[in-house]
Amino acid sequence: MNNNFGINPQILLEITKEKMPFGKYKNTILFDLPTFYLEWFHKKGFPKGKLGMQLATVYEIKINGLEQLIYDLQKKGTI
């Protein structure tokens, strides 16, 4: 994957594999979390650390309508 936009391919892989560790959506793949839930975190503050960065990444992808990019990368086996 071309890294021209500062996107770490490892993060994209993680958000499509790792699950939410707590809350109403516990055990849901991070990328599959509903946008309204991510918006709530955005307003209240994302958790500290790696999980917060992952959730913020999913939030940015979803609010900018870039989900298809992730689906295409998954289909190609890039992530």
Protein backbone atom coordinates (compact mmCIF):
# COMPACT_ATOMS: atom_id res chain seq x y z
CA MET A 1 0.00 0.00 0.00
CA ASN A 2 1.27 3.44 -0.86
CA ASN A 3 1.85 5.40 2.32
CA ASN A 4 1.58 8.90 0.83
CA PHE A 5 -1.07 9.98 3.30
CA GLY A 6 0.68 8.85 6.44
CA ILE A 7 -1.64 5.88 6.85
CA ASN A 8 -0.03 2.98 8.64
CA PRO A 9 -1.15 -0.24 6.93
CA GLN A 10 -0.78 -2.07 10.26
CA ILE A 11 -3.49 0.15 11.75
CA LEU A 12 -5.83 -0.68 8.87
CA LEU A 13 -5.22 -4.37 9.48
CA GLU A 14 -5.82 -3.99 13.21
CA ILE A 15 -9.14 -2.15 12.86
CA THR A 16 -10.47 -4.92 10.60
CA LYS A 17 -9.42 -7.72 12.98
CA GLU A 18 -9.47 -6.46 16.57
CA LYS A 19 -12.61 -6.34 18.68
CA MET A 20 -14.02 -3.73 21.01
CA PRO A 21 -12.93 -4.82 24.51
CA PHE A 22 -15.80 -3.29 26.52
CA GLY A 23 -19.21 -1.65 26.49
CA LYS A 24 -22.40 -2.21 24.55
CA TYR A 25 -20.44 -3.29 21.47
CA LYS A 26 -17.99 -5.58 23.26
CA ASN A 27 -16.54 -8.19 20.87
CA THR A 28 -17.57 -6.20 17.77
CA ILE A 29 -14.81 -5.73 15.18
CA LEU A 30 -13.65 -2.11 15.50
CA PHE A 31 -14.33 -1.35 11.83
CA ASP A 32 -17.90 -2.66 12.25
CA LEU A 33 -18.78 -0.28 15.09
CA PRO A 34 -21.71 2.00 14.21
CA THR A 35 -20.86 5.56 13.26
CA PHE A 36 -23.09 7.04 15.97
CA TYR A 37 -21.07 5.16 18.61
CA LEU A 38 -17.82 6.54 17.19
CA GLU A 39 -19.36 10.02 17.12
CA TRP A 40 -20.21 9.64 20.80
CA PHE A 41 -16.57 8.78 21.56
CA HIS A 42 -15.44 11.74 19.46
CA LYS A 43 -17.57 14.08 21.58
CA LYS A 44 -16.71 12.47 24.94
CA GLY A 45 -13.09 11.70 24.13
CA PHE A 46 -11.54 8.57 22.73
CA PRO A 47 -9.87 6.23 25.22
CA LYS A 48 -6.16 6.78 25.80
CA GLY A 49 -3.57 4.68 24.02
CA LYS A 50 -3.76 2.32 21.10
CA LEU A 51 -7.52 1.67 21.32
CA GLY A 52 -8.27 5.38 21.20
CA MET A 53 -6.07 5.80 18.13
CA GLN A 54 -7.76 2.84 16.45
CA LEU A 55 -11.25 4.17 17.20
CA ALA A 56 -10.28 7.65 15.98
CA THR A 57 -9.01 6.08 12.75
CA VAL A 58 -12.28 4.20 12.20
CA TYR A 59 -14.18 7.40 12.98
CA GLU A 60 -12.23 9.38 10.37
CA ILE A 61 -12.68 6.67 7.75
CA LYS A 62 -16.41 6.50 8.33
CA ILE A 63 -17.20 10.22 8.56
CA ASN A 64 -15.23 10.82 5.37
CA GLY A 65 -17.06 8.05 3.51
CA LEU A 66 -13.94 5.96 2.93
CA GLU A 67 -15.32 2.58 3.95
CA GLN A 68 -15.08 1.33 0.37
CA LEU A 69 -11.32 1.82 0.52
CA ILE A 70 -11.14 -0.70 3.36
CA TYR A 71 -13.48 -3.12 1.59
CA ASP A 72 -11.35 -2.90 -1.57
CA LEU A 73 -8.15 -3.51 0.39
CA GLN A 74 -9.73 -6.52 2.08
CA LYS A 75 -10.89 -7.90 -1.26
CA LYS A 76 -7.39 -7.55 -2.73
CA GLY A 77 -5.90 -9.20 0.34
CA THR A 78 -3.80 -6.11 1.09
CA ILE A 79 -5.13 -6.03 4.65
